Amino acid sequence: MKNKKTFMGGPVLVLTLVLAGNAYAQELTMTTVTTPETMTCHEFTQMNPKAMTPVMVWVTNKDRDYKNGDYVDWRTVQTVMVPKVIKVCKKEPGKKIVEFRNQIQELVSE
């Protein structure tokens, strides 16, 4: 009588390859992080509304030197800027948020 030995190498190899592919896919998604500098209008309009104001504050205040300690008020950003930027972004969803920096300042003064 012959002893039958099962070779488990095939299924183990397949399982290893599947898990390695899954880990690689997770690594790819983890490295693509959106920041306000790289954010498009489409991404901005799709984000949580509670996160829109901090993003707009960052965009308006980054690399700006306001005279006499002036600043952009949080409430102004939340009630005036964000709705106007959403309106503009819906017209040009592929544009980056930072490209609107000067236009955003004009929106506040309207």
PDB file of N, CA and C in Angstrom:
ATOM      1  N   MET A   1       0.825  -1.163   0.000  1.00  0.00           N
ATOM      2  CA  MET A   1       0.000   0.000   0.000  1.00  0.00           C
ATOM      3  C   MET A   1       0.884   1.247   0.000  1.00  0.00           C
ATOM      4  N   LYS A   2       0.543   2.143  -0.867  1.00  0.00           N
ATOM      5  CA  LYS A   2       1.337   3.354  -0.993  1.00  0.00           C
ATOM      6  C   LYS A   2       0.815   4.422  -0.046  1.00  0.00           C
ATOM      7  N   ASN A   3       1.731   5.159   0.512  1.00  0.00           N
ATOM      8  CA  ASN A   3       1.348   6.299   1.343  1.00  0.00           C
ATOM      9  C   ASN A   3       1.086   7.493   0.441  1.00  0.00           C
ATOM     10  N   LYS A   4      -0.077   8.059   0.608  1.00  0.00           N
ATOM     11  CA  LYS A   4      -0.404   9.252  -0.165  1.00  0.00           C
ATOM     12  C   LYS A   4      -0.030  10.480   0.652  1.00  0.00           C
ATOM     13  N   LYS A   5       0.762  11.298   0.049  1.00  0.00           N
ATOM     14  CA  LYS A   5       1.144  12.543   0.703  1.00  0.00           C
ATOM     15  C   LYS A   5       0.512  13.685  -0.080  1.00  0.00           C
ATOM     16  N   THR A   6      -0.087  14.563   0.632  1.00  0.00           N
ATOM     17  CA  THR A   6      -0.685  15.727  -0.022  1.00  0.00           C
ATOM     18  C   THR A   6       0.314  16.869  -0.009  1.00  0.00           C
ATOM     19  N   PHE A   7       0.348  17.526  -1.127  1.00  0.00           N
ATOM     20  CA  PHE A   7       1.237  18.676  -1.260  1.00  0.00           C
ATOM     21  C   PHE A   7       0.420  19.931  -1.003  1.00  0.00           C
ATOM     22  N   MET A   8       0.736  20.631   0.045  1.00  0.00           N
ATOM     23  CA  MET A   8      -0.009  21.831   0.427  1.00  0.00           C
ATOM     24  C   MET A   8       0.634  23.098  -0.126  1.00  0.00           C
ATOM     25  N   GLY A   9       1.686  22.963  -0.869  1.00  0.00           N
ATOM     26  CA  GLY A   9       2.405  24.131  -1.367  1.00  0.00           C
ATOM     27  C   GLY A   9       1.581  25.002  -2.292  1.00  0.00           C
ATOM     28  N   GLY A  10       0.772  24.406  -3.163  1.00  0.00           N
ATOM     29  CA  GLY A  10      -0.032  25.170  -4.121  1.00  0.00           C
ATOM     30  C   GLY A  10      -1.008  26.120  -3.445  1.00  0.00           C
ATOM     31  N   PRO A  11      -1.900  25.615  -2.588  1.00  0.00           N
ATOM     32  CA  PRO A  11      -2.844  26.514  -1.917  1.00  0.00           C
ATOM     33  C   PRO A  11      -2.160  27.544  -1.014  1.00  0.00           C
ATOM     34  N   VAL A  12      -1.082  27.156  -0.376  1.00  0.00           N
ATOM     35  CA  VAL A  12      -0.359  28.090   0.487  1.00  0.00           C
ATOM     36  C   VAL A  12       0.256  29.207  -0.351  1.00  0.00           C
ATOM     37  N   LEU A  13       0.798  28.843  -1.510  1.00  0.00           N
ATOM     38  CA  LEU A  13       1.387  29.840  -2.400  1.00  0.00           C
ATOM     39  C   LEU A  13       0.328  30.819  -2.898  1.00  0.00           C
ATOM     40  N   VAL A  14      -0.832  30.301  -3.286  1.00  0.00           N
ATOM     41  CA  VAL A  14      -1.921  31.161  -3.758  1.00  0.00           C
ATOM     42  C   VAL A  14      -2.369  32.103  -2.648  1.00  0.00           C
ATOM     43  N   LEU A  15      -2.552  31.580  -1.453  1.00  0.00           N
ATOM     44  CA  LEU A  15      -2.973  32.404  -0.322  1.00  0.00           C
ATOM     45  C   LEU A  15      -1.939  33.493  -0.025  1.00  0.00           C
ATOM     46  N   THR A  16      -0.674  33.141  -0.086  1.00  0.00           N
ATOM     47  CA  THR A  16       0.390  34.121   0.151  1.00  0.00           C
ATOM     48  C   THR A  16       0.353  35.236  -0.884  1.00  0.00           C
ATOM     49  N   LEU A  17       0.168  34.875  -2.147  1.00  0.00           N
ATOM     50  CA  LEU A  17       0.109  35.883  -3.203  1.00  0.00           C
ATOM     51  C   LEU A  17      -1.102  36.798  -3.047  1.00  0.00           C
ATOM     52  N   VAL A  18      -2.232  36.228  -2.667  1.00  0.00           N
ATOM     53  CA  VAL A  18      -3.439  37.033  -2.469  1.00  0.00           C
ATOM     54  C   VAL A  18      -3.236  38.023  -1.329  1.00  0.00           C
ATOM     55  N   LEU A  19      -2.690  37.558  -0.225  1.00  0.00           N
ATOM     56  CA  LEU A  19      -2.463  38.443   0.917  1.00  0.00           C
ATOM     57  C   LEU A  19      -1.422  39.514   0.600  1.00  0.00           C
ATOM     58  N   ALA A  20      -0.404  39.156  -0.150  1.00  0.00           N
ATOM     59  CA  ALA A  20       0.615  40.140  -0.523  1.00  0.00           C
ATOM     60  C   ALA A  20       0.016  41.207  -1.433  1.00  0.00           C
ATOM     61  N   GLY A  21      -0.835  40.792  -2.366  1.00  0.00           N
ATOM     62  CA  GLY A  21      -1.502  41.752  -3.253  1.00  0.00           C
ATOM     63  C   GLY A  21      -2.405  42.683  -2.477  1.00  0.00           C
ATOM     64  N   ASN A  22      -3.108  42.147  -1.490  1.00  0.00           N
ATOM     65  CA  ASN A  22      -3.996  42.954  -0.658  1.00  0.00           C
ATOM     66  C   ASN A  22      -3.189  43.975   0.146  1.00  0.00           C
ATOM     67  N   ALA A  23      -2.067  43.562   0.689  1.00  0.00           N
ATOM     68  CA  ALA A  23      -1.220  44.481   1.460  1.00  0.00           C
ATOM     69  C   ALA A  23      -0.670  45.579   0.564  1.00  0.00           C
ATOM     70  N   TYR A  24      -0.304  45.230  -0.664  1.00  0.00           N
ATOM     71  CA  TYR A  24       0.209  46.229  -1.608  1.00  0.00           C
ATOM     72  C   TYR A  24      -0.879  47.238  -1.963  1.00  0.00           C
ATOM     73  N   ALA A  25      -2.101  46.758  -2.165  1.00  0.00           N
ATOM     74  CA  ALA A  25      -3.213  47.662  -2.488  1.00  0.00           C
ATOM     75  C   ALA A  25      -3.482  48.618  -1.334  1.00  0.00           C
ATOM     76  N   GLN A  26      -3.418  48.128  -0.107  1.00  0.00           N
ATOM     77  CA  GLN A  26      -3.618  48.993   1.052  1.00  0.00           C
ATOM     78  C   GLN A  26      -2.517  50.038   1.143  1.00  0.00           C
ATOM     79  N   GLU A  27      -1.286  49.641   0.822  1.00  0.00           N
ATOM     80  CA  GLU A  27      -0.167  50.578   0.872  1.00  0.00           C
ATOM     81  C   GLU A  27      -0.359  51.696  -0.145  1.00  0.00           C
ATOM     82  N   LEU A  28      -0.855  51.352  -1.328  1.00  0.00           N
ATOM     83  CA  LEU A  28      -1.087  52.370  -2.350  1.00  0.00           C
ATOM     84  C   LEU A  28      -2.140  53.374  -1.908  1.00  0.00           C
ATOM     85  N   THR A  29      -3.220  52.899  -1.304  1.00  0.00           N
ATOM     86  CA  THR A  29      -4.272  53.816  -0.888  1.00  0.00           C
ATOM     87  C   THR A  29      -3.842  54.650   0.309  1.00  0.00           C
ATOM     88  N   MET A  30      -2.955  54.125   1.122  1.00  0.00           N
ATOM     89  CA  MET A  30      -2.519  54.866   2.294  1.00  0.00           C
ATOM     90  C   MET A  30      -1.559  55.994   1.916  1.00  0.00           C
ATOM     91  N   THR A  31      -0.856  55.863   0.799  1.00  0.00           N
ATOM     92  CA  THR A  31       0.116  56.884   0.435  1.00  0.00           C
ATOM     93  C   THR A  31      -0.512  58.041  -0.334  1.00  0.00           C
ATOM     94  N   THR A  32      -1.720  57.885  -0.825  1.00  0.00           N
ATOM     95  CA  THR A  32      -2.377  58.979  -1.539  1.00  0.00           C
ATOM     96  C   THR A  32      -3.225  59.769  -0.553  1.00  0.00           C
ATOM     97  N   VAL A  33      -2.612  60.757   0.041  1.00  0.00           N
ATOM     98  CA  VAL A  33      -3.274  61.581   1.046  1.00  0.00           C
ATOM     99  C   VAL A  33      -3.590  62.943   0.432  1.00  0.00           C
ATOM    100  N   THR A  34      -4.805  63.397   0.640  1.00  0.00           N
ATOM    101  CA  THR A  34      -5.196  64.704   0.136  1.00  0.00           C
ATOM    102  C   THR A  34      -4.951  65.753   1.211  1.00  0.00           C
ATOM    103  N   THR A  35      -4.255  66.805   0.841  1.00  0.00           N
ATOM    104  CA  THR A  35      -4.017  67.933   1.736  1.00  0.00           C
ATOM    105  C   THR A  35      -4.682  69.158   1.117  1.00  0.00           C
ATOM    106  N   PRO A  36      -4.855  70.227   1.859  1.00  0.00           N
ATOM    107  CA  PRO A  36      -5.453  71.424   1.258  1.00  0.00           C
ATOM    108  C   PRO A  36      -4.681  71.930   0.040  1.00  0.00           C
ATOM    109  N   GLU A  37      -3.360  71.709   0.004  1.00  0.00           N
ATOM    110  CA  GLU A  37      -2.569  72.156  -1.144  1.00  0.00           C
ATOM    111  C   GLU A  37      -2.890  71.374  -2.408  1.00  0.00           C
ATOM    112  N   THR A  38      -3.243  70.101  -2.264  1.00  0.00           N
ATOM    113  CA  THR A  38      -3.498  69.259  -3.432  1.00  0.00           C
ATOM    114  C   THR A  38      -4.984  69.026  -3.681  1.00  0.00           C
ATOM    115  N   MET A  39      -5.836  69.538  -2.823  1.00  0.00           N
ATOM    116  CA  MET A  39      -7.270  69.269  -2.901  1.00  0.00           C
ATOM    117  C   MET A  39      -7.922  69.975  -4.091  1.00  0.00           C
ATOM    118  N   THR A  40      -8.735  69.209  -4.825  1.00  0.00           N
ATOM    119  CA  THR A  40      -9.490  69.803  -5.927  1.00  0.00           C
ATOM    120  C   THR A  40     -10.830  70.300  -5.403  1.00  0.00           C
ATOM    121  N   CYS A  41     -11.492  71.087  -6.221  1.00  0.00           N
ATOM    122  CA  CYS A  41     -12.814  71.593  -5.842  1.00  0.00           C
ATOM    123  C   CYS A  41     -13.798  70.445  -5.629  1.00  0.00           C
ATOM    124  N   HIS A  42     -13.690  69.422  -6.463  1.00  0.00           N
ATOM    125  CA  HIS A  42     -14.601  68.278  -6.318  1.00  0.00           C
ATOM    126  C   HIS A  42     -14.407  67.623  -4.956  1.00  0.00           C
ATOM    127  N   GLU A  43     -13.147  67.426  -4.553  1.00  0.00           N
ATOM    128  CA  GLU A  43     -12.871  66.829  -3.250  1.00  0.00           C
ATOM    129  C   GLU A  43     -13.376  67.727  -2.126  1.00  0.00           C
ATOM    130  N   PHE A  44     -13.236  69.021  -2.286  1.00  0.00           N
ATOM    131  CA  PHE A  44     -13.705  69.963  -1.267  1.00  0.00           C
ATOM    132  C   PHE A  44     -15.218  69.880  -1.106  1.00  0.00           C
ATOM    133  N   THR A  45     -15.954  69.842  -2.215  1.00  0.00           N
ATOM    134  CA  THR A  45     -17.418  69.803  -2.126  1.00  0.00           C
ATOM    135  C   THR A  45     -17.926  68.459  -1.620  1.00  0.00           C
ATOM    136  N   GLN A  46     -17.113  67.404  -1.712  1.00  0.00           N
ATOM    137  CA  GLN A  46     -17.532  66.080  -1.260  1.00  0.00           C
ATOM    138  C   GLN A  46     -17.137  65.784   0.184  1.00  0.00           C
ATOM    139  N   MET A  47     -16.354  66.662   0.794  1.00  0.00           N
ATOM    140  CA  MET A  47     -15.884  66.380   2.151  1.00  0.00           C
ATOM    141  C   MET A  47     -16.951  66.704   3.205  1.00  0.00           C
ATOM    142  N   ASN A  48     -16.702  66.271   4.415  1.00  0.00           N
ATOM    143  CA  ASN A  48     -17.588  66.541   5.539  1.00  0.00           C
ATOM    144  C   ASN A  48     -17.702  68.061   5.718  1.00  0.00           C
ATOM    145  N   PRO A  49     -18.920  68.601   5.762  1.00  0.00           N
ATOM    146  CA  PRO A  49     -19.091  70.054   5.910  1.00  0.00           C
ATOM    147  C   PRO A  49     -18.386  70.639   7.133  1.00  0.00           C
ATOM    148  N   LYS A  50     -18.229  69.853   8.182  1.00  0.00           N
ATOM    149  CA  LYS A  50     -17.544  70.344   9.379  1.00  0.00           C
ATOM    150  C   LYS A  50     -16.054  70.569   9.124  1.00  0.00           C
ATOM    151  N   ALA A  51     -15.503  69.915   8.116  1.00  0.00           N
ATOM    152  CA  ALA A  51     -14.079  70.063   7.806  1.00  0.00           C
ATOM    153  C   ALA A  51     -13.819  71.181   6.804  1.00  0.00           C
ATOM    154  N   MET A  52     -14.857  71.715   6.196  1.00  0.00           N
ATOM    155  CA  MET A  52     -14.672  72.746   5.168  1.00  0.00           C
ATOM    156  C   MET A  52     -14.101  74.044   5.738  1.00  0.00           C
ATOM    157  N   THR A  53     -14.593  74.471   6.883  1.00  0.00           N
ATOM    158  CA  THR A  53     -14.124  75.729   7.470  1.00  0.00           C
ATOM    159  C   THR A  53     -12.639  75.671   7.820  1.00  0.00           C
ATOM    160  N   PRO A  54     -12.154  74.616   8.505  1.00  0.00           N
ATOM    161  CA  PRO A  54     -10.711  74.570   8.780  1.00  0.00           C
ATOM    162  C   PRO A  54      -9.855  74.577   7.507  1.00  0.00           C
ATOM    163  N   VAL A  55     -10.322  73.905   6.467  1.00  0.00           N
ATOM    164  CA  VAL A  55      -9.573  73.898   5.208  1.00  0.00           C
ATOM    165  C   VAL A  55      -9.518  75.305   4.626  1.00  0.00           C
ATOM    166  N   MET A  56     -10.642  76.017   4.641  1.00  0.00           N
ATOM    167  CA  MET A  56     -10.668  77.370   4.088  1.00  0.00           C
ATOM    168  C   MET A  56      -9.831  78.334   4.927  1.00  0.00           C
ATOM    169  N   VAL A  57      -9.831  78.173   6.245  1.00  0.00           N
ATOM    170  CA  VAL A  57      -8.985  79.012   7.103  1.00  0.00           C
ATOM    171  C   VAL A  57      -7.519  78.776   6.746  1.00  0.00           C
ATOM    172  N   TRP A  58      -7.151  77.519   6.541  1.00  0.00           N
ATOM    173  CA  TRP A  58      -5.774  77.201   6.174  1.00  0.00           C
ATOM    174  C   TRP A  58      -5.421  77.841   4.834  1.00  0.00           C
ATOM    175  N   VAL A  59      -6.313  77.697   3.848  1.00  0.00           N
ATOM    176  CA  VAL A  59      -6.051  78.240   2.510  1.00  0.00           C
ATOM    177  C   VAL A  59      -5.897  79.757   2.559  1.00  0.00           C
ATOM    178  N   THR A  60      -6.766  80.435   3.284  1.00  0.00           N
ATOM    179  CA  THR A  60      -6.716  81.899   3.290  1.00  0.00           C
ATOM    180  C   THR A  60      -5.552  82.453   4.107  1.00  0.00           C
ATOM    181  N   ASN A  61      -5.106  81.737   5.127  1.00  0.00           N
ATOM    182  CA  ASN A  61      -4.055  82.260   6.001  1.00  0.00           C
ATOM    183  C   ASN A  61      -2.652  81.771   5.674  1.00  0.00           C
ATOM    184  N   LYS A  62      -2.513  80.735   4.861  1.00  0.00           N
ATOM    185  CA  LYS A  62      -1.188  80.182   4.569  1.00  0.00           C
ATOM    186  C   LYS A  62      -0.348  81.202   3.799  1.00  0.00           C
ATOM    187  N   ASP A  63       0.843  81.417   4.284  1.00  0.00           N
ATOM    188  CA  ASP A  63       1.814  82.323   3.653  1.00  0.00           C
ATOM    189  C   ASP A  63       1.286  83.743   3.470  1.00  0.00           C
ATOM    190  N   ARG A  64       0.434  84.183   4.351  1.00  0.00           N
ATOM    191  CA  ARG A  64      -0.085  85.556   4.286  1.00  0.00           C
ATOM    192  C   ARG A  64       0.421  86.325   5.494  1.00  0.00           C
ATOM    193  N   ASP A  65       0.832  87.533   5.265  1.00  0.00           N
ATOM    194  CA  ASP A  65       1.212  88.434   6.354  1.00  0.00           C
ATOM    195  C   ASP A  65       0.207  89.573   6.367  1.00  0.00           C
ATOM    196  N   TYR A  66      -0.666  89.546   7.353  1.00  0.00           N
ATOM    197  CA  TYR A  66      -1.674  90.595   7.468  1.00  0.00           C
ATOM    198  C   TYR A  66      -1.101  91.761   8.267  1.00  0.00           C
ATOM    199  N   LYS A  67      -1.445  92.952   7.875  1.00  0.00           N
ATOM    200  CA  LYS A  67      -0.937  94.154   8.540  1.00  0.00           C
ATOM    201  C   LYS A  67      -1.603  94.337   9.901  1.00  0.00           C
ATOM    202  N   ASN A  68      -0.834  94.817  10.848  1.00  0.00           N
ATOM    203  CA  ASN A  68      -1.324  95.145  12.193  1.00  0.00           C
ATOM    204  C   ASN A  68      -1.995  93.969  12.897  1.00  0.00           C
ATOM    205  N   GLY A  69      -1.546  92.756  12.609  1.00  0.00           N
ATOM    206  CA  GLY A  69      -2.088  91.593  13.300  1.00  0.00           C
ATOM    207  C   GLY A  69      -3.477  91.185  12.858  1.00  0.00           C
ATOM    208  N   ASP A  70      -3.938  91.684  11.712  1.00  0.00           N
ATOM    209  CA  ASP A  70      -5.252  91.280  11.215  1.00  0.00           C
ATOM    210  C   ASP A  70      -5.256  89.793  10.897  1.00  0.00           C
ATOM    211  N   TYR A  71      -6.432  89.252  10.819  1.00  0.00           N
ATOM    212  CA  TYR A  71      -6.599  87.838  10.508  1.00  0.00           C
ATOM    213  C   TYR A  71      -7.959  87.656   9.858  1.00  0.00           C
ATOM    214  N   VAL A  72      -8.179  86.470   9.315  1.00  0.00           N
ATOM    215  CA  VAL A  72      -9.479  86.148   8.740  1.00  0.00           C
ATOM    216  C   VAL A  72     -10.306  85.489   9.832  1.00  0.00           C
ATOM    217  N   ASP A  73     -11.437  86.058  10.133  1.00  0.00           N
ATOM    218  CA  ASP A  73     -12.310  85.590  11.201  1.00  0.00           C
ATOM    219  C   ASP A  73     -12.929  84.241  10.855  1.00  0.00           C
ATOM    220  N   TRP A  74     -12.942  83.331  11.839  1.00  0.00           N
ATOM    221  CA  TRP A  74     -13.496  81.986  11.661  1.00  0.00           C
ATOM    222  C   TRP A  74     -14.953  82.052  11.217  1.00  0.00           C
ATOM    223  N   ARG A  75     -15.736  82.897  11.865  1.00  0.00           N
ATOM    224  CA  ARG A  75     -17.161  82.994  11.538  1.00  0.00           C
ATOM    225  C   ARG A  75     -17.360  83.511  10.110  1.00  0.00           C
ATOM    226  N   THR A  76     -16.532  84.461   9.689  1.00  0.00           N
ATOM    227  CA  THR A  76     -16.612  84.972   8.320  1.00  0.00           C
ATOM    228  C   THR A  76     -16.320  83.860   7.323  1.00  0.00           C
ATOM    229  N   VAL A  77     -15.309  83.073   7.628  1.00  0.00           N
ATOM    230  CA  VAL A  77     -14.972  81.950   6.748  1.00  0.00           C
ATOM    231  C   VAL A  77     -16.145  80.988   6.661  1.00  0.00           C
ATOM    232  N   GLN A  78     -16.721  80.655   7.813  1.00  0.00           N
ATOM    233  CA  GLN A  78     -17.790  79.666   7.867  1.00  0.00           C
ATOM    234  C   GLN A  78     -19.071  80.150   7.199  1.00  0.00           C
ATOM    235  N   THR A  79     -19.441  81.386   7.408  1.00  0.00           N
ATOM    236  CA  THR A  79     -20.740  81.862   6.924  1.00  0.00           C
ATOM    237  C   THR A  79     -20.689  82.539   5.565  1.00  0.00           C
ATOM    238  N   VAL A  80     -19.521  83.077   5.193  1.00  0.00           N
ATOM    239  CA  VAL A  80     -19.427  83.806   3.928  1.00  0.00           C
ATOM    240  C   VAL A  80     -18.595  83.044   2.895  1.00  0.00           C
ATOM    241  N   MET A  81     -17.362  82.711   3.277  1.00  0.00           N
ATOM    242  CA  MET A  81     -16.444  82.115   2.307  1.00  0.00           C
ATOM    243  C   MET A  81     -16.857  80.736   1.833  1.00  0.00           C
ATOM    244  N   VAL A  82     -17.112  79.835   2.766  1.00  0.00           N
ATOM    245  CA  VAL A  82     -17.382  78.441   2.397  1.00  0.00           C
ATOM    246  C   VAL A  82     -18.549  78.332   1.420  1.00  0.00           C
ATOM    247  N   PRO A  83     -19.702  78.961   1.679  1.00  0.00           N
ATOM    248  CA  PRO A  83     -20.798  78.853   0.700  1.00  0.00           C
ATOM    249  C   PRO A  83     -20.439  79.424  -0.678  1.00  0.00           C
ATOM    250  N   LYS A  84     -19.683  80.533  -0.695  1.00  0.00           N
ATOM    251  CA  LYS A  84     -19.303  81.123  -1.982  1.00  0.00           C
ATOM    252  C   LYS A  84     -18.298  80.247  -2.718  1.00  0.00           C
ATOM    253  N   VAL A  85     -17.366  79.656  -1.982  1.00  0.00           N
ATOM    254  CA  VAL A  85     -16.380  78.776  -2.608  1.00  0.00           C
ATOM    255  C   VAL A  85     -17.059  77.522  -3.149  1.00  0.00           C
ATOM    256  N   ILE A  86     -18.021  76.988  -2.420  1.00  0.00           N
ATOM    257  CA  ILE A  86     -18.763  75.823  -2.913  1.00  0.00           C
ATOM    258  C   ILE A  86     -19.452  76.168  -4.227  1.00  0.00           C
ATOM    259  N   LYS A  87     -20.047  77.337  -4.286  1.00  0.00           N
ATOM    260  CA  LYS A  87     -20.737  77.780  -5.503  1.00  0.00           C
ATOM    261  C   LYS A  87     -19.760  77.870  -6.683  1.00  0.00           C
ATOM    262  N   VAL A  88     -18.594  78.461  -6.446  1.00  0.00           N
ATOM    263  CA  VAL A  88     -17.578  78.584  -7.493  1.00  0.00           C
ATOM    264  C   VAL A  88     -17.017  77.204  -7.859  1.00  0.00           C
ATOM    265  N   CYS A  89     -16.811  76.357  -6.861  1.00  0.00           N
ATOM    266  CA  CYS A  89     -16.234  75.030  -7.092  1.00  0.00           C
ATOM    267  C   CYS A  89     -17.150  74.128  -7.916  1.00  0.00           C
ATOM    268  N   LYS A  90     -18.435  74.297  -7.770  1.00  0.00           N
ATOM    269  CA  LYS A  90     -19.357  73.471  -8.553  1.00  0.00           C
ATOM    270  C   LYS A  90     -19.257  73.795 -10.044  1.00  0.00           C
ATOM    271  N   LYS A  91     -18.803  75.006 -10.365  1.00  0.00           N
ATOM    272  CA  LYS A  91     -18.628  75.391 -11.767  1.00  0.00           C
ATOM    273  C   LYS A  91     -17.328  74.824 -12.339  1.00  0.00           C
ATOM    274  N   GLU A  92     -16.290  74.705 -11.498  1.00  0.00           N
ATOM    275  CA  GLU A  92     -14.980  74.229 -11.941  1.00  0.00           C
ATOM    276  C   GLU A  92     -14.462  73.152 -10.982  1.00  0.00           C
ATOM    277  N   PRO A  93     -15.019  71.926 -11.040  1.00  0.00           N
ATOM    278  CA  PRO A  93     -14.659  70.891 -10.070  1.00  0.00           C
ATOM    279  C   PRO A  93     -13.218  70.384 -10.164  1.00  0.00           C
ATOM    280  N   GLY A  94     -12.562  70.560 -11.291  1.00  0.00           N
ATOM    281  CA  GLY A  94     -11.199  70.056 -11.435  1.00  0.00           C
ATOM    282  C   GLY A  94     -10.128  70.995 -10.932  1.00  0.00           C
ATOM    283  N   LYS A  95     -10.487  72.223 -10.637  1.00  0.00           N
ATOM    284  CA  LYS A  95      -9.524  73.229 -10.197  1.00  0.00           C
ATOM    285  C   LYS A  95      -9.114  72.975  -8.748  1.00  0.00           C
ATOM    286  N   LYS A  96      -7.883  73.327  -8.411  1.00  0.00           N
ATOM    287  CA  LYS A  96      -7.410  73.147  -7.034  1.00  0.00           C
ATOM    288  C   LYS A  96      -7.871  74.311  -6.172  1.00  0.00           C
ATOM    289  N   ILE A  97      -8.129  74.022  -4.907  1.00  0.00           N
ATOM    290  CA  ILE A  97      -8.614  75.026  -3.956  1.00  0.00           C
ATOM    291  C   ILE A  97      -7.626  76.182  -3.820  1.00  0.00           C
ATOM    292  N   VAL A  98      -6.333  75.884  -3.779  1.00  0.00           N
ATOM    293  CA  VAL A  98      -5.344  76.946  -3.577  1.00  0.00           C
ATOM    294  C   VAL A  98      -5.294  77.916  -4.756  1.00  0.00           C
ATOM    295  N   GLU A  99      -5.786  77.509  -5.920  1.00  0.00           N
ATOM    296  CA  GLU A  99      -5.822  78.406  -7.075  1.00  0.00           C
ATOM    297  C   GLU A  99      -6.837  79.529  -6.874  1.00  0.00           C
ATOM    298  N   PHE A 100      -7.754  79.339  -5.948  1.00  0.00           N
ATOM    299  CA  PHE A 100      -8.782  80.335  -5.660  1.00  0.00           C
ATOM    300  C   PHE A 100      -8.354  81.320  -4.575  1.00  0.00           C
ATOM    301  N   ARG A 101      -7.115  81.239  -4.107  1.00  0.00           N
ATOM    302  CA  ARG A 101      -6.685  82.028  -2.947  1.00  0.00           C
ATOM    303  C   ARG A 101      -6.991  83.518  -3.109  1.00  0.00           C
ATOM    304  N   ASN A 102      -6.600  84.113  -4.213  1.00  0.00           N
ATOM    305  CA  ASN A 102      -6.872  85.547  -4.415  1.00  0.00           C
ATOM    306  C   ASN A 102      -8.356  85.806  -4.622  1.00  0.00           C
ATOM    307  N   GLN A 103      -9.013  84.907  -5.328  1.00  0.00           N
ATOM    308  CA  GLN A 103     -10.446  85.058  -5.565  1.00  0.00           C
ATOM    309  C   GLN A 103     -11.220  84.938  -4.252  1.00  0.00           C
ATOM    310  N   ILE A 104     -10.739  84.102  -3.346  1.00  0.00           N
ATOM    311  CA  ILE A 104     -11.392  83.932  -2.043  1.00  0.00           C
ATOM    312  C   ILE A 104     -11.361  85.245  -1.270  1.00  0.00           C
ATOM    313  N   GLN A 105     -10.233  85.940  -1.296  1.00  0.00           N
ATOM    314  CA  GLN A 105     -10.132  87.226  -0.606  1.00  0.00           C
ATOM    315  C   GLN A 105     -11.128  88.226  -1.183  1.00  0.00           C
ATOM    316  N   GLU A 106     -11.320  88.188  -2.504  1.00  0.00           N
ATOM    317  CA  GLU A 106     -12.290  89.080  -3.140  1.00  0.00           C
ATOM    318  C   GLU A 106     -13.719  88.708  -2.748  1.00  0.00           C
ATOM    319  N   LEU A 107     -13.975  87.407  -2.559  1.00  0.00           N
ATOM    320  CA  LEU A 107     -15.315  86.963  -2.167  1.00  0.00           C
ATOM    321  C   LEU A 107     -15.705  87.528  -0.807  1.00  0.00           C
ATOM    322  N   VAL A 108     -14.739  87.640   0.089  1.00  0.00           N
ATOM    323  CA  VAL A 108     -15.026  88.146   1.433  1.00  0.00           C
ATOM    324  C   VAL A 108     -15.379  89.619   1.381  1.00  0.00           C
ATOM    325  N   SER A 109     -14.719  90.357   0.525  1.00  0.00           N
ATOM    326  CA  SER A 109     -14.952  91.800   0.484  1.00  0.00           C
ATOM    327  C   SER A 109     -16.225  92.178  -0.275  1.00  0.00           C
ATOM    328  N   GLU A 110     -16.883  91.209  -0.917  1.00  0.00           N
ATOM    329  CA  GLU A 110     -18.132  91.516  -1.642  1.00  0.00           C
ATOM    330  C   GLU A 110     -19.248  91.873  -0.697  1.00  0.00           C
TER     331      GLU A 110
END
